[in-house]
Amino acid sequence: MKKRKRLEKMMEKKRRRKEQDKAVKLARAVAEGRDLDEERRVQEANAASGAGHARREQKWLRRIEEAKNRFKVCVDCSYEDQMTQKEIGSLSTQIRYCYAINKRSPNPVFLSVPSLSGETYEKLAKVEGFPERWKARAFSWSDKSLVEMHAAERAKLVMLTSDAENTLEHLDDGKIYVIGGIVDRNRLKFATKDRAEELGIETACLPISDHLKLFSTRVLTCNHVFDILLKYRQHGNDWKKAMLDVLPKRKDAQEGNEGGGGG
C-alpha cells in the first residue's frame, strides 16, 4: 500500500508538472504572436504526407555525418552479475536515456554498448523499436566484451572512473570514452578501475572538483556522464557549463574555484 501511494503521488506530481510546462509553452507562444492553429494544421499535413519525417531524417543525417570525426562513447555492461535486479532495471533505463539524449543532441556521437545480454538486454527488448530502430540513430550493441567489440580500436579506449588518478582535461576526438555500466558505484568501488587495469586500458576521471563544489555524492549515473560529454562539446569545450547544465539540483552543485583534484 505504501509503495502504491508513493507511485500514485509521483504520477500525480508528474502529471501536474506536464500541465504546467504545457501552460508555460502556450503562454510563450501567445506572447510571441504565433498562430497555433495554423502550426497544428501544417504539422498534421506534414505528418500525413511524410514530409515531416523526411525533413527530420535529413537533419539527422547531416548531424551524424559530423560525428564521424568526433569522439565515441561506450557503456560497458559487463557488471550485471554484480548487481541486483533493481540495479539492472535502473541501468537499462539509463541506457535508454543515453540513447534519447544522443538522438536529440545537436552534436550526437556513435554510442556502443558491449556485453549487453541477460536481464539488461531483456528489459531493453521490451522497449518499442529496440534494437532495429536504434541502429539508425548511431547505436550499436553486442553481447561480446568491450575489448572484443572494439578489438580494432582497443588503443583508443579510455575508461572513465572517479577512481582514476588522471584527470580528463579535454575530449580527444580520436578516443572512445567508456562509461562503466554500474548503478551502485559506492558498493562496487574500484570495479571500473580494476577492470581497466586488468584489460590494460587507459583511465581518466571527469574534472568535477576542478570546476564545481558538490555538497552531496560525486557518484553520477551513466546518462549524466554521457550528457556531460555531449554538453562539453555543445558548450564550446566548457566543462563547468556542461556540468551545471546536466547535474540535478539534488547534487547541490555550485561553481568552485579553478584547480583541485578531479572527481
C-alpha atoms as a PDB file:
ATOM      1  CA  MET A   1       0.000   0.000   0.000  1.00  0.00           C
ATOM      2  CA  LYS A   2       2.841   2.382   0.841  1.00  0.00           C
ATOM      3  CA  LYS A   3       4.539   1.669  -2.479  1.00  0.00           C
ATOM      4  CA  ARG A   4       1.267   2.187  -4.336  1.00  0.00           C
ATOM      5  CA  LYS A   5       0.655   5.503  -2.586  1.00  0.00           C
ATOM      6  CA  ARG A   6       4.190   6.686  -3.377  1.00  0.00           C
ATOM      7  CA  LEU A   7       3.727   5.705  -7.027  1.00  0.00           C
ATOM      8  CA  GLU A   8       0.353   7.468  -7.249  1.00  0.00           C
ATOM      9  CA  LYS A   9       1.837  10.579  -5.625  1.00  0.00           C
ATOM     10  CA  MET A  10       4.776  10.532  -8.053  1.00  0.00           C
ATOM     11  CA  MET A  11       2.499  10.087 -11.090  1.00  0.00           C
ATOM     12  CA  GLU A  12       0.243  12.927  -9.937  1.00  0.00           C
ATOM     13  CA  LYS A  13       3.259  15.185  -9.459  1.00  0.00           C
ATOM     14  CA  LYS A  14       4.486  14.265 -12.940  1.00  0.00           C
ATOM     15  CA  ARG A  15       1.046  14.987 -14.435  1.00  0.00           C
ATOM     16  CA  ARG A  16       0.912  18.434 -12.784  1.00  0.00           C
ATOM     17  CA  ARG A  17       4.404  19.240 -13.993  1.00  0.00           C
ATOM     18  CA  LYS A  18       3.468  18.347 -17.576  1.00  0.00           C
ATOM     19  CA  GLU A  19       0.377  20.547 -17.368  1.00  0.00           C
ATOM     20  CA  GLN A  20       2.454  23.428 -16.006  1.00  0.00           C
ATOM     21  CA  ASP A  21       5.054  23.030 -18.753  1.00  0.00           C
ATOM     22  CA  LYS A  22       2.294  22.947 -21.361  1.00  0.00           C
ATOM     23  CA  ALA A  23       0.729  26.121 -19.940  1.00  0.00           C
ATOM     24  CA  VAL A  24       4.093  27.915 -19.958  1.00  0.00           C
ATOM     25  CA  LYS A  25       4.737  26.937 -23.587  1.00  0.00           C
ATOM     26  CA  LEU A  26       1.232  28.065 -24.584  1.00  0.00           C
ATOM     27  CA  ALA A  27       1.661  31.434 -22.852  1.00  0.00           C
ATOM     28  CA  ARG A  28       5.031  31.939 -24.541  1.00  0.00           C
ATOM     29  CA  ALA A  29       3.571  31.120 -27.961  1.00  0.00           C
ATOM     30  CA  VAL A  30       0.688  33.557 -27.460  1.00  0.00           C
ATOM     31  CA  ALA A  31       3.094  36.291 -26.317  1.00  0.00           C
ATOM     32  CA  GLU A  32       5.147  35.737 -29.483  1.00  0.00           C
ATOM     33  CA  GLY A  33       2.015  36.157 -31.616  1.00  0.00           C
ATOM     34  CA  ARG A  34       2.207  32.676 -33.127  1.00  0.00           C
ATOM     35  CA  ASP A  35      -0.817  31.165 -34.878  1.00  0.00           C
ATOM     36  CA  LEU A  36      -1.075  27.843 -33.048  1.00  0.00           C
ATOM     37  CA  ASP A  37      -3.998  26.569 -35.118  1.00  0.00           C
ATOM     38  CA  GLU A  38      -2.027  27.130 -38.336  1.00  0.00           C
ATOM     39  CA  GLU A  39       1.073  25.493 -36.868  1.00  0.00           C
ATOM     40  CA  ARG A  40      -1.027  22.473 -35.855  1.00  0.00           C
ATOM     41  CA  ARG A  41      -2.555  22.286 -39.336  1.00  0.00           C
ATOM     42  CA  VAL A  42       0.874  22.372 -41.020  1.00  0.00           C
ATOM     43  CA  GLN A  43       2.188  19.741 -38.608  1.00  0.00           C
ATOM     44  CA  GLU A  44      -0.715  17.400 -39.347  1.00  0.00           C
ATOM     45  CA  ALA A  45      -0.303  17.921 -43.101  1.00  0.00           C
ATOM     46  CA  ASN A  46       3.429  17.141 -42.896  1.00  0.00           C
ATOM     47  CA  ALA A  47       2.720  14.022 -40.854  1.00  0.00           C
ATOM     48  CA  ALA A  48       0.149  12.812 -43.382  1.00  0.00           C
ATOM     49  CA  SER A  49       2.437  13.412 -46.367  1.00  0.00           C
ATOM     50  CA  GLY A  50       5.609  12.137 -44.712  1.00  0.00           C
ATOM     51  CA  ALA A  51       7.350  15.453 -45.340  1.00  0.00           C
ATOM     52  CA  GLY A  52       7.981  15.970 -41.626  1.00  0.00           C
ATOM     53  CA  HIS A  53       9.706  12.599 -41.265  1.00  0.00           C
ATOM     54  CA  ALA A  54      11.820  13.181 -44.382  1.00  0.00           C
ATOM     55  CA  ARG A  55      12.929  16.591 -43.089  1.00  0.00           C
ATOM     56  CA  ARG A  56      13.872  15.153 -39.679  1.00  0.00           C
ATOM     57  CA  GLU A  57      15.772  12.316 -41.352  1.00  0.00           C
ATOM     58  CA  GLN A  58      17.807  14.710 -43.499  1.00  0.00           C
ATOM     59  CA  LYS A  59      18.571  16.836 -40.449  1.00  0.00           C
ATOM     60  CA  TRP A  60      19.746  13.737 -38.565  1.00  0.00           C
ATOM     61  CA  LEU A  61      21.957  12.588 -41.447  1.00  0.00           C
ATOM     62  CA  ARG A  62      23.693  15.974 -41.519  1.00  0.00           C
ATOM     63  CA  ARG A  63      24.334  15.832 -37.776  1.00  0.00           C
ATOM     64  CA  ILE A  64      25.582  12.248 -37.719  1.00  0.00           C
ATOM     65  CA  GLU A  65      27.901  12.896 -40.675  1.00  0.00           C
ATOM     66  CA  GLU A  66      29.840  15.286 -38.451  1.00  0.00           C
ATOM     67  CA  ALA A  67      30.025  12.590 -35.741  1.00  0.00           C
ATOM     68  CA  LYS A  68      32.406  10.544 -37.902  1.00  0.00           C
ATOM     69  CA  ASN A  69      35.140  12.985 -36.869  1.00  0.00           C
ATOM     70  CA  ARG A  70      34.067  13.152 -33.217  1.00  0.00           C
ATOM     71  CA  PHE A  71      34.914  11.070 -30.138  1.00  0.00           C
ATOM     72  CA  LYS A  72      32.785   7.982 -29.456  1.00  0.00           C
ATOM     73  CA  VAL A  73      31.155   6.792 -26.241  1.00  0.00           C
ATOM     74  CA  CYS A  74      30.652   3.285 -24.906  1.00  0.00           C
ATOM     75  CA  VAL A  75      28.573   1.957 -21.976  1.00  0.00           C
ATOM     76  CA  ASP A  76      30.168  -1.272 -20.757  1.00  0.00           C
ATOM     77  CA  CYS A  77      27.543  -3.698 -19.385  1.00  0.00           C
ATOM     78  CA  SER A  78      29.943  -6.335 -18.085  1.00  0.00           C
ATOM     79  CA  TYR A  79      28.991  -5.825 -14.426  1.00  0.00           C
ATOM     80  CA  GLU A  80      25.489  -7.326 -14.489  1.00  0.00           C
ATOM     81  CA  ASP A  81      26.443 -10.356 -12.370  1.00  0.00           C
ATOM     82  CA  GLN A  82      27.475  -7.986  -9.556  1.00  0.00           C
ATOM     83  CA  MET A  83      24.199  -6.038  -9.480  1.00  0.00           C
ATOM     84  CA  THR A  84      20.726  -6.619  -8.070  1.00  0.00           C
ATOM     85  CA  GLN A  85      17.619  -6.878 -10.257  1.00  0.00           C
ATOM     86  CA  LYS A  86      16.605  -3.371  -9.231  1.00  0.00           C
ATOM     87  CA  GLU A  87      20.027  -2.026 -10.218  1.00  0.00           C
ATOM     88  CA  ILE A  88      19.854  -3.839 -13.557  1.00  0.00           C
ATOM     89  CA  GLY A  89      16.470  -2.209 -14.175  1.00  0.00           C
ATOM     90  CA  SER A  90      17.977   1.190 -13.403  1.00  0.00           C
ATOM     91  CA  LEU A  91      20.876   0.534 -15.768  1.00  0.00           C
ATOM     92  CA  SER A  92      18.555  -0.357 -18.644  1.00  0.00           C
ATOM     93  CA  THR A  93      16.675   2.897 -18.019  1.00  0.00           C
ATOM     94  CA  GLN A  94      19.940   4.861 -18.028  1.00  0.00           C
ATOM     95  CA  ILE A  95      20.896   3.314 -21.382  1.00  0.00           C
ATOM     96  CA  ARG A  96      17.511   4.414 -22.744  1.00  0.00           C
ATOM     97  CA  TYR A  97      18.227   7.946 -21.511  1.00  0.00           C
ATOM     98  CA  CYS A  98      21.643   7.908 -23.215  1.00  0.00           C
ATOM     99  CA  TYR A  99      20.021   6.889 -26.497  1.00  0.00           C
ATOM    100  CA  ALA A 100      17.358   9.617 -26.179  1.00  0.00           C
ATOM    101  CA  ILE A 101      19.937  12.286 -25.258  1.00  0.00           C
ATOM    102  CA  ASN A 102      22.073  11.334 -28.232  1.00  0.00           C
ATOM    103  CA  LYS A 103      19.138  11.354 -30.647  1.00  0.00           C
ATOM    104  CA  ARG A 104      18.153  14.893 -29.596  1.00  0.00           C
ATOM    105  CA  SER A 105      21.656  16.331 -29.336  1.00  0.00           C
ATOM    106  CA  PRO A 106      22.868  18.892 -31.908  1.00  0.00           C
ATOM    107  CA  ASN A 107      26.216  17.044 -31.781  1.00  0.00           C
ATOM    108  CA  PRO A 108      25.436  13.298 -31.474  1.00  0.00           C
ATOM    109  CA  VAL A 109      28.136  10.641 -31.185  1.00  0.00           C
ATOM    110  CA  PHE A 110      28.384   6.968 -32.036  1.00  0.00           C
ATOM    111  CA  LEU A 111      27.197   5.085 -28.947  1.00  0.00           C
ATOM    112  CA  SER A 112      28.096   1.428 -28.393  1.00  0.00           C
ATOM    113  CA  VAL A 113      27.038  -0.997 -25.657  1.00  0.00           C
ATOM    114  CA  PRO A 114      29.149  -4.177 -25.303  1.00  0.00           C
ATOM    115  CA  SER A 115      28.367  -7.151 -23.008  1.00  0.00           C
ATOM    116  CA  LEU A 116      24.666  -6.379 -23.435  1.00  0.00           C
ATOM    117  CA  SER A 117      22.895  -9.616 -22.560  1.00  0.00           C
ATOM    118  CA  GLY A 118      20.902 -11.275 -19.776  1.00  0.00           C
ATOM    119  CA  GLU A 119      18.335  -9.226 -17.875  1.00  0.00           C
ATOM    120  CA  THR A 120      19.651  -5.884 -19.110  1.00  0.00           C
ATOM    121  CA  TYR A 121      19.006  -6.904 -22.712  1.00  0.00           C
ATOM    122  CA  GLU A 122      15.625  -8.454 -21.830  1.00  0.00           C
ATOM    123  CA  LYS A 123      14.442  -5.192 -20.268  1.00  0.00           C
ATOM    124  CA  LEU A 124      15.591  -3.138 -23.272  1.00  0.00           C
ATOM    125  CA  ALA A 125      14.000  -5.643 -25.660  1.00  0.00           C
ATOM    126  CA  LYS A 126      10.613  -4.636 -24.236  1.00  0.00           C
ATOM    127  CA  VAL A 127      11.150  -1.069 -25.472  1.00  0.00           C
ATOM    128  CA  GLU A 128       9.391  -0.347 -28.760  1.00  0.00           C
ATOM    129  CA  GLY A 129      11.884  -0.006 -31.608  1.00  0.00           C
ATOM    130  CA  PHE A 130      14.801  -1.680 -29.830  1.00  0.00           C
ATOM    131  CA  PRO A 131      17.212  -2.587 -31.283  1.00  0.00           C
ATOM    132  CA  GLU A 132      16.408  -2.145 -35.000  1.00  0.00           C
ATOM    133  CA  ARG A 133      15.259   1.491 -34.958  1.00  0.00           C
ATOM    134  CA  TRP A 134      18.043   2.391 -32.529  1.00  0.00           C
ATOM    135  CA  LYS A 135      20.653   1.233 -35.053  1.00  0.00           C
ATOM    136  CA  ALA A 136      19.579   4.031 -37.394  1.00  0.00           C
ATOM    137  CA  ARG A 137      20.451   6.547 -34.668  1.00  0.00           C
ATOM    138  CA  ALA A 138      24.156   5.792 -34.200  1.00  0.00           C
ATOM    139  CA  PHE A 139      23.544   2.986 -31.682  1.00  0.00           C
ATOM    140  CA  SER A 140      25.337  -0.362 -31.749  1.00  0.00           C
ATOM    141  CA  TRP A 141      25.400  -3.233 -29.271  1.00  0.00           C
ATOM    142  CA  SER A 142      26.904  -6.663 -28.810  1.00  0.00           C
ATOM    143  CA  ASP A 143      26.893  -9.494 -26.304  1.00  0.00           C
ATOM    144  CA  LYS A 144      30.668  -9.604 -26.810  1.00  0.00           C
ATOM    145  CA  SER A 145      33.012  -7.995 -24.292  1.00  0.00           C
ATOM    146  CA  LEU A 146      34.342  -4.444 -24.520  1.00  0.00           C
ATOM    147  CA  VAL A 147      37.708  -5.426 -25.990  1.00  0.00           C
ATOM    148  CA  GLU A 148      36.109  -7.949 -28.366  1.00  0.00           C
ATOM    149  CA  MET A 149      33.581  -5.449 -29.707  1.00  0.00           C
ATOM    150  CA  HIS A 150      36.272  -2.780 -30.096  1.00  0.00           C
ATOM    151  CA  ALA A 151      39.205  -5.074 -30.916  1.00  0.00           C
ATOM    152  CA  ALA A 152      40.371  -2.900 -33.824  1.00  0.00           C
ATOM    153  CA  GLU A 153      40.121   0.253 -31.681  1.00  0.00           C
ATOM    154  CA  ARG A 154      41.448  -1.061 -28.371  1.00  0.00           C
ATOM    155  CA  ALA A 155      44.213   1.555 -28.183  1.00  0.00           C
ATOM    156  CA  LYS A 156      41.569   4.292 -28.361  1.00  0.00           C
ATOM    157  CA  LEU A 157      39.630   3.130 -25.273  1.00  0.00           C
ATOM    158  CA  VAL A 158      39.607   5.359 -22.164  1.00  0.00           C
ATOM    159  CA  MET A 159      37.770   4.093 -19.078  1.00  0.00           C
ATOM    160  CA  LEU A 160      36.033   6.939 -17.213  1.00  0.00           C
ATOM    161  CA  THR A 161      36.183   6.272 -13.488  1.00  0.00           C
ATOM    162  CA  SER A 162      36.152   8.563 -10.457  1.00  0.00           C
ATOM    163  CA  ASP A 163      38.943   6.391  -9.010  1.00  0.00           C
ATOM    164  CA  ALA A 164      41.403   7.296 -11.788  1.00  0.00           C
ATOM    165  CA  GLU A 165      44.499   9.340 -10.952  1.00  0.00           C
ATOM    166  CA  ASN A 166      44.482  11.037 -14.370  1.00  0.00           C
ATOM    167  CA  THR A 167      42.026  13.917 -14.837  1.00  0.00           C
ATOM    168  CA  LEU A 168      40.307  14.342 -18.203  1.00  0.00           C
ATOM    169  CA  GLU A 169      41.267  17.868 -19.251  1.00  0.00           C
ATOM    170  CA  HIS A 170      39.746  17.754 -22.738  1.00  0.00           C
ATOM    171  CA  LEU A 171      37.972  15.292 -25.033  1.00  0.00           C
ATOM    172  CA  ASP A 172      40.121  13.794 -27.786  1.00  0.00           C
ATOM    173  CA  ASP A 173      38.169  13.136 -30.987  1.00  0.00           C
ATOM    174  CA  GLY A 174      40.341  10.093 -31.615  1.00  0.00           C
ATOM    175  CA  LYS A 175      39.235   8.347 -28.402  1.00  0.00           C
ATOM    176  CA  ILE A 176      36.370   6.089 -27.278  1.00  0.00           C
ATOM    177  CA  TYR A 177      35.272   7.050 -23.766  1.00  0.00           C
ATOM    178  CA  VAL A 178      33.968   4.086 -21.775  1.00  0.00           C
ATOM    179  CA  ILE A 179      31.339   4.537 -19.058  1.00  0.00           C
ATOM    180  CA  GLY A 180      31.052   1.611 -16.661  1.00  0.00           C
ATOM    181  CA  GLY A 181      27.504   0.259 -16.611  1.00  0.00           C
ATOM    182  CA  ILE A 182      27.249   0.237 -12.810  1.00  0.00           C
ATOM    183  CA  VAL A 183      24.413   1.652 -10.732  1.00  0.00           C
ATOM    184  CA  ASP A 184      25.747   1.378  -7.154  1.00  0.00           C
ATOM    185  CA  ARG A 185      29.296   2.705  -7.533  1.00  0.00           C
ATOM    186  CA  ASN A 186      29.805   3.063  -3.786  1.00  0.00           C
ATOM    187  CA  ARG A 187      29.203  -0.653  -3.240  1.00  0.00           C
ATOM    188  CA  LEU A 188      31.309  -1.591  -6.291  1.00  0.00           C
ATOM    189  CA  LYS A 189      34.044   0.965  -5.701  1.00  0.00           C
ATOM    190  CA  PHE A 190      37.155   0.497  -7.872  1.00  0.00           C
ATOM    191  CA  ALA A 191      35.308  -2.020 -10.101  1.00  0.00           C
ATOM    192  CA  THR A 192      35.822   0.039 -13.283  1.00  0.00           C
ATOM    193  CA  LYS A 193      39.401   0.985 -12.384  1.00  0.00           C
ATOM    194  CA  ASP A 194      40.285  -2.637 -11.628  1.00  0.00           C
ATOM    195  CA  ARG A 195      38.713  -3.792 -14.891  1.00  0.00           C
ATOM    196  CA  ALA A 196      40.613  -1.153 -16.888  1.00  0.00           C
ATOM    197  CA  GLU A 197      43.911  -2.189 -15.293  1.00  0.00           C
ATOM    198  CA  GLU A 198      43.142  -5.840 -15.998  1.00  0.00           C
ATOM    199  CA  LEU A 199      42.500  -5.037 -19.672  1.00  0.00           C
ATOM    200  CA  GLY A 200      45.394  -2.596 -19.970  1.00  0.00           C
ATOM    201  CA  ILE A 201      43.088   0.333 -20.792  1.00  0.00           C
ATOM    202  CA  GLU A 202      43.821   3.994 -20.040  1.00  0.00           C
ATOM    203  CA  THR A 203      41.748   5.551 -17.229  1.00  0.00           C
ATOM    204  CA  ALA A 204      40.603   9.120 -16.526  1.00  0.00           C
ATOM    205  CA  CYS A 205      38.126  10.928 -14.283  1.00  0.00           C
ATOM    206  CA  LEU A 206      35.902  13.873 -15.096  1.00  0.00           C
ATOM    207  CA  PRO A 207      37.284  17.174 -13.733  1.00  0.00           C
ATOM    208  CA  ILE A 208      34.301  17.726 -11.448  1.00  0.00           C
ATOM    209  CA  SER A 209      36.107  19.181  -8.430  1.00  0.00           C
ATOM    210  CA  ASP A 210      38.250  21.327 -10.734  1.00  0.00           C
ATOM    211  CA  HIS A 211      35.158  23.333 -11.612  1.00  0.00           C
ATOM    212  CA  LEU A 212      32.402  22.638  -9.062  1.00  0.00           C
ATOM    213  CA  LYS A 213      31.764  22.150  -5.377  1.00  0.00           C
ATOM    214  CA  LEU A 214      29.381  19.258  -4.750  1.00  0.00           C
ATOM    215  CA  PHE A 215      27.810  19.019  -1.316  1.00  0.00           C
ATOM    216  CA  SER A 216      26.457  15.526  -1.946  1.00  0.00           C
ATOM    217  CA  THR A 217      27.892  12.396  -3.525  1.00  0.00           C
ATOM    218  CA  ARG A 218      30.024  12.760  -6.658  1.00  0.00           C
ATOM    219  CA  VAL A 219      28.672   9.459  -7.992  1.00  0.00           C
ATOM    220  CA  LEU A 220      26.949  10.126 -11.317  1.00  0.00           C
ATOM    221  CA  THR A 221      24.594   7.972 -13.368  1.00  0.00           C
ATOM    222  CA  CYS A 222      25.659   6.677 -16.775  1.00  0.00           C
ATOM    223  CA  ASN A 223      23.320   9.091 -18.544  1.00  0.00           C
ATOM    224  CA  HIS A 224      24.633  12.076 -16.547  1.00  0.00           C
ATOM    225  CA  VAL A 225      28.218  11.265 -17.562  1.00  0.00           C
ATOM    226  CA  PHE A 226      27.128  10.746 -21.174  1.00  0.00           C
ATOM    227  CA  ASP A 227      25.192  14.022 -21.217  1.00  0.00           C
ATOM    228  CA  ILE A 228      28.136  15.941 -19.733  1.00  0.00           C
ATOM    229  CA  LEU A 229      30.412  14.658 -22.518  1.00  0.00           C
ATOM    230  CA  LEU A 230      27.982  15.836 -25.200  1.00  0.00           C
ATOM    231  CA  LYS A 231      27.275  19.152 -23.457  1.00  0.00           C
ATOM    232  CA  TYR A 232      31.028  19.787 -23.104  1.00  0.00           C
ATOM    233  CA  ARG A 233      31.319  19.890 -26.871  1.00  0.00           C
ATOM    234  CA  GLN A 234      27.983  21.701 -27.306  1.00  0.00           C
ATOM    235  CA  HIS A 235      29.121  24.472 -24.920  1.00  0.00           C
ATOM    236  CA  GLY A 236      32.420  25.065 -26.706  1.00  0.00           C
ATOM    237  CA  ASN A 237      34.540  22.690 -24.594  1.00  0.00           C
ATOM    238  CA  ASP A 238      33.435  24.277 -21.319  1.00  0.00           C
ATOM    239  CA  TRP A 239      33.376  21.679 -18.517  1.00  0.00           C
ATOM    240  CA  LYS A 240      31.815  23.961 -15.932  1.00  0.00           C
ATOM    241  CA  LYS A 241      28.922  24.998 -18.153  1.00  0.00           C
ATOM    242  CA  ALA A 242      28.350  21.372 -19.223  1.00  0.00           C
ATOM    243  CA  MET A 243      28.236  20.111 -15.635  1.00  0.00           C
ATOM    244  CA  LEU A 244      25.973  22.863 -14.350  1.00  0.00           C
ATOM    245  CA  ASP A 245      23.658  22.187 -17.293  1.00  0.00           C
ATOM    246  CA  VAL A 246      23.434  18.449 -16.548  1.00  0.00           C
ATOM    247  CA  LEU A 247      23.787  17.787 -12.832  1.00  0.00           C
ATOM    248  CA  PRO A 248      20.455  17.565 -10.982  1.00  0.00           C
ATOM    249  CA  LYS A 249      19.580  20.026  -8.255  1.00  0.00           C
ATOM    250  CA  ARG A 250      19.834  17.295  -5.614  1.00  0.00           C
ATOM    251  CA  LYS A 251      23.602  17.270  -6.230  1.00  0.00           C
ATOM    252  CA  ASP A 252      23.651  20.848  -4.913  1.00  0.00           C
ATOM    253  CA  ALA A 253      26.348  21.774  -7.443  1.00  0.00           C
ATOM    254  CA  GLN A 254      27.906  25.217  -7.074  1.00  0.00           C
ATOM    255  CA  GLU A 255      30.625  26.945  -9.041  1.00  0.00           C
ATOM    256  CA  GLY A 256      34.026  26.457  -7.476  1.00  0.00           C
ATOM    257  CA  ASN A 257      37.484  27.872  -7.929  1.00  0.00           C
ATOM    258  CA  GLU A 258      39.584  26.550 -10.779  1.00  0.00           C
ATOM    259  CA  GLY A 259      42.111  23.945  -9.676  1.00  0.00           C
ATOM    260  CA  GLY A 260      41.994  20.954  -7.363  1.00  0.00           C
ATOM    261  CA  GLY A 261      41.638  17.253  -7.929  1.00  0.00           C
ATOM    262  CA  GLY A 262      39.361  15.603 -10.457  1.00  0.00           C
ATOM    263  CA  GLY A 263      36.158  13.856  -9.472  1.00  0.00           C
END
